[in-house]
Amino acid sequence: MIRLRTGRVTNFTFFNVEILICISRQCLNLLIKIEQTTFPPRFNSLSTRLYEEMENHQKWTENRSIRCEQDHLGHVNQRLKLLQEKLDMSEKKMEEKLLKLSSKLENFINRQKQEADLNKVKHIENKLSKKMNQLEKHIWGELEKMQNEYQSGEQIPLIK
């Protein structure tokens, strides 16, 4: 926002300032052409004052243009800084989520290994149980056979 000499407040953009600079230059060029023509001395002093006023206005406009550019760059830098901060926060959140997922995956893999080991142990246990049952049946069968032979009065050959 800029307050003009007339008291009116206006919003200058970079484009508006560039137009003002161009207009100021054109006015100065016009004054130089006017000065080159011969005028009475009172017009020369008026022309000189007008020329000085235009020069001052041009300098003011150029300074305002520089300030507008600097303000614009400041805003751009603020936005870039804000974007960088948001990007950093997003990266940090993503890293945290990846760590959680990695931990969950590791836990899942460990559970799968434990289940596989447990299944192997159960399988071996079942095999041993079958073998033990067969052996027990065989032993009971032999004992029953020996008991039957004993009761029938047969002689059991002794092994020497």
Protein backbone atom coordinates (compact mmCIF):
# COMPACT_ATOMS: atom_id res chain seq x y z
CA MET A 1 0.00 0.00 0.00
CA ILE A 2 1.36 3.39 -0.95
CA ARG A 3 -0.11 6.78 -0.06
CA LEU A 4 0.17 9.12 -3.02
CA ARG A 5 0.63 12.89 -2.69
CA THR A 6 -3.05 13.28 -3.38
CA GLY A 7 -3.76 11.32 -0.20
CA ARG A 8 -5.14 8.37 -2.12
CA VAL A 9 -3.92 4.93 -1.04
CA THR A 10 -3.12 2.47 -3.79
CA ASN A 11 -1.78 -1.05 -4.01
CA PHE A 12 1.38 -1.17 -6.12
CA THR A 13 2.38 -4.40 -7.71
CA PHE A 14 5.66 -5.05 -9.41
CA PHE A 15 3.93 -4.63 -12.80
CA ASN A 16 2.41 -1.25 -11.79
CA VAL A 17 5.80 0.02 -10.63
CA GLU A 18 7.40 -0.99 -13.92
CA ILE A 19 4.70 0.96 -15.80
CA LEU A 20 5.35 4.02 -13.60
CA ILE A 21 9.07 3.82 -14.30
CA CYS A 22 8.40 3.64 -18.02
CA ILE A 23 6.02 6.61 -17.86
CA SER A 24 8.54 8.63 -15.83
CA ARG A 25 11.24 7.98 -18.40
CA GLN A 26 8.93 9.03 -21.21
CA CYS A 27 8.07 12.23 -19.35
CA LEU A 28 11.76 13.01 -18.81
CA ASN A 29 12.48 12.45 -22.48
CA LEU A 30 9.60 14.75 -23.36
CA LEU A 31 10.91 17.44 -21.01
CA ILE A 32 14.37 17.17 -22.51
CA LYS A 33 12.88 17.71 -25.98
CA ILE A 34 10.90 20.68 -24.70
CA GLU A 35 14.01 22.20 -23.12
CA GLN A 36 15.85 21.90 -26.37
CA THR A 37 13.40 24.28 -27.96
CA THR A 38 13.84 27.96 -27.15
CA PHE A 39 11.48 29.28 -24.48
CA PRO A 40 11.47 32.45 -22.46
CA PRO A 41 13.48 32.30 -19.20
CA ARG A 42 10.43 31.86 -16.94
CA PHE A 43 9.51 28.72 -18.88
CA ASN A 44 13.08 27.50 -18.50
CA SER A 45 12.89 27.76 -14.69
CA LEU A 46 9.50 26.06 -14.77
CA SER A 47 10.92 23.44 -17.07
CA THR A 48 13.91 22.94 -14.76
CA ARG A 49 11.65 22.57 -11.71
CA LEU A 50 9.44 20.17 -13.62
CA TYR A 51 12.50 18.24 -14.79
CA GLU A 52 13.81 18.02 -11.19
CA GLU A 53 10.37 16.95 -9.96
CA MET A 54 10.22 14.26 -12.62
CA GLU A 55 13.74 13.09 -11.73
CA ASN A 56 12.77 12.89 -8.07
CA HIS A 57 9.61 11.02 -9.00
CA GLN A 58 11.60 8.61 -11.16
CA LYS A 59 14.08 7.95 -8.34
CA TRP A 60 11.22 7.44 -5.90
CA THR A 61 9.52 5.03 -8.33
CA GLU A 62 12.73 3.09 -8.90
CA ASN A 63 13.31 2.87 -5.12
CA ARG A 64 9.73 1.72 -4.68
CA SER A 65 10.28 -0.89 -7.39
CA ILE A 66 13.37 -2.16 -5.57
CA ARG A 67 11.43 -2.29 -2.27
CA CYS A 68 8.58 -4.15 -3.98
CA GLU A 69 11.04 -6.66 -5.41
CA GLN A 70 12.66 -7.09 -2.02
CA ASP A 71 9.25 -7.54 -0.35
CA HIS A 72 8.29 -10.05 -3.01
CA LEU A 73 11.55 -11.97 -2.52
CA GLY A 74 10.99 -11.88 1.24
CA HIS A 75 7.52 -13.39 0.81
CA VAL A 76 8.86 -16.00 -1.58
CA ASN A 77 11.63 -16.89 0.88
CA GLN A 78 9.08 -17.16 3.71
CA ARG A 79 6.94 -19.50 1.61
CA LEU A 80 10.00 -21.56 0.66
CA LYS A 81 11.02 -21.81 4.31
CA LEU A 82 7.49 -22.87 5.28
CA LEU A 83 7.43 -25.45 2.49
CA GLN A 84 10.83 -26.77 3.59
CA GLU A 85 9.61 -27.09 7.18
CA LYS A 86 6.48 -28.95 6.03
CA LEU A 87 8.61 -31.20 3.82
CA ASP A 88 10.93 -31.95 6.74
CA MET A 89 7.96 -32.78 8.99
CA SER A 90 6.47 -35.02 6.30
CA GLU A 91 9.79 -36.83 5.85
CA LYS A 92 10.06 -37.32 9.60
CA LYS A 93 6.52 -38.74 9.77
CA MET A 94 7.27 -41.04 6.84
CA GLU A 95 10.44 -42.27 8.54
CA GLU A 96 8.48 -42.95 11.73
CA LYS A 97 5.81 -44.84 9.80
CA LEU A 98 8.47 -46.84 7.94
CA LEU A 99 10.11 -47.75 11.27
CA LYS A 100 6.74 -48.91 12.64
CA LEU A 101 6.05 -50.93 9.50
CA SER A 102 9.54 -52.43 9.63
CA SER A 103 9.02 -53.40 13.26
CA LYS A 104 5.63 -54.95 12.46
CA LEU A 105 7.11 -56.86 9.54
CA GLU A 106 9.96 -58.13 11.70
CA ASN A 107 7.48 -59.26 14.37
CA PHE A 108 5.36 -60.98 11.71
CA ILE A 109 8.40 -62.80 10.29
CA ASN A 110 9.44 -63.90 13.81
CA ARG A 111 5.93 -65.24 14.51
CA GLN A 112 5.96 -67.13 11.21
CA LYS A 113 9.33 -68.70 12.10
CA GLN A 114 8.07 -69.61 15.57
CA GLU A 115 4.93 -71.18 14.09
CA ALA A 116 7.02 -73.12 11.56
CA ASP A 117 9.32 -74.35 14.35
CA LEU A 118 6.31 -75.26 16.48
CA ASN A 119 4.77 -77.20 13.59
CA LYS A 120 8.04 -79.09 13.11
CA VAL A 121 8.17 -79.94 16.81
CA LYS A 122 4.53 -81.12 16.71
CA HIS A 123 5.23 -83.25 13.65
CA ILE A 124 8.28 -84.85 15.32
CA GLU A 125 6.26 -85.33 18.50
CA ASN A 126 3.50 -87.10 16.53
CA LYS A 127 6.04 -89.36 14.85
CA LEU A 128 7.63 -90.23 18.19
CA SER A 129 4.23 -90.83 19.72
CA LYS A 130 3.33 -93.25 16.90
CA LYS A 131 6.66 -95.06 17.27
CA MET A 132 6.23 -95.27 21.04
CA ASN A 133 2.66 -96.60 20.62
CA GLN A 134 3.88 -99.22 18.13
CA LEU A 135 6.74 -100.18 20.44
CA GLU A 136 4.36 -100.35 23.41
CA LYS A 137 1.94 -102.54 21.42
CA HIS A 138 4.82 -104.76 20.35
CA ILE A 139 6.08 -105.06 23.94
CA TRP A 140 2.57 -105.81 25.24
CA GLY A 141 2.13 -108.34 22.48
CA GLU A 142 5.40 -110.05 23.38
CA LEU A 143 4.49 -109.99 27.07
CA GLU A 144 1.07 -111.43 26.33
CA LYS A 145 2.63 -114.10 24.17
CA MET A 146 5.12 -114.94 26.92
CA GLN A 147 2.32 -115.05 29.48
CA ASN A 148 0.29 -117.36 27.26
CA GLU A 149 3.29 -119.61 26.75
CA TYR A 150 3.96 -119.69 30.48
CA GLN A 151 0.35 -120.51 31.24
CA SER A 152 0.29 -123.23 28.62
CA GLY A 153 3.34 -124.79 30.17
CA GLU A 154 5.69 -124.42 27.30
CA GLN A 155 9.25 -123.98 28.13
CA ILE A 156 10.89 -120.79 27.12
CA PRO A 157 14.33 -121.36 25.67
CA LEU A 158 16.96 -119.52 27.60
CA ILE A 159 19.46 -117.50 25.75
CA LYS A 160 22.99 -118.05 26.85
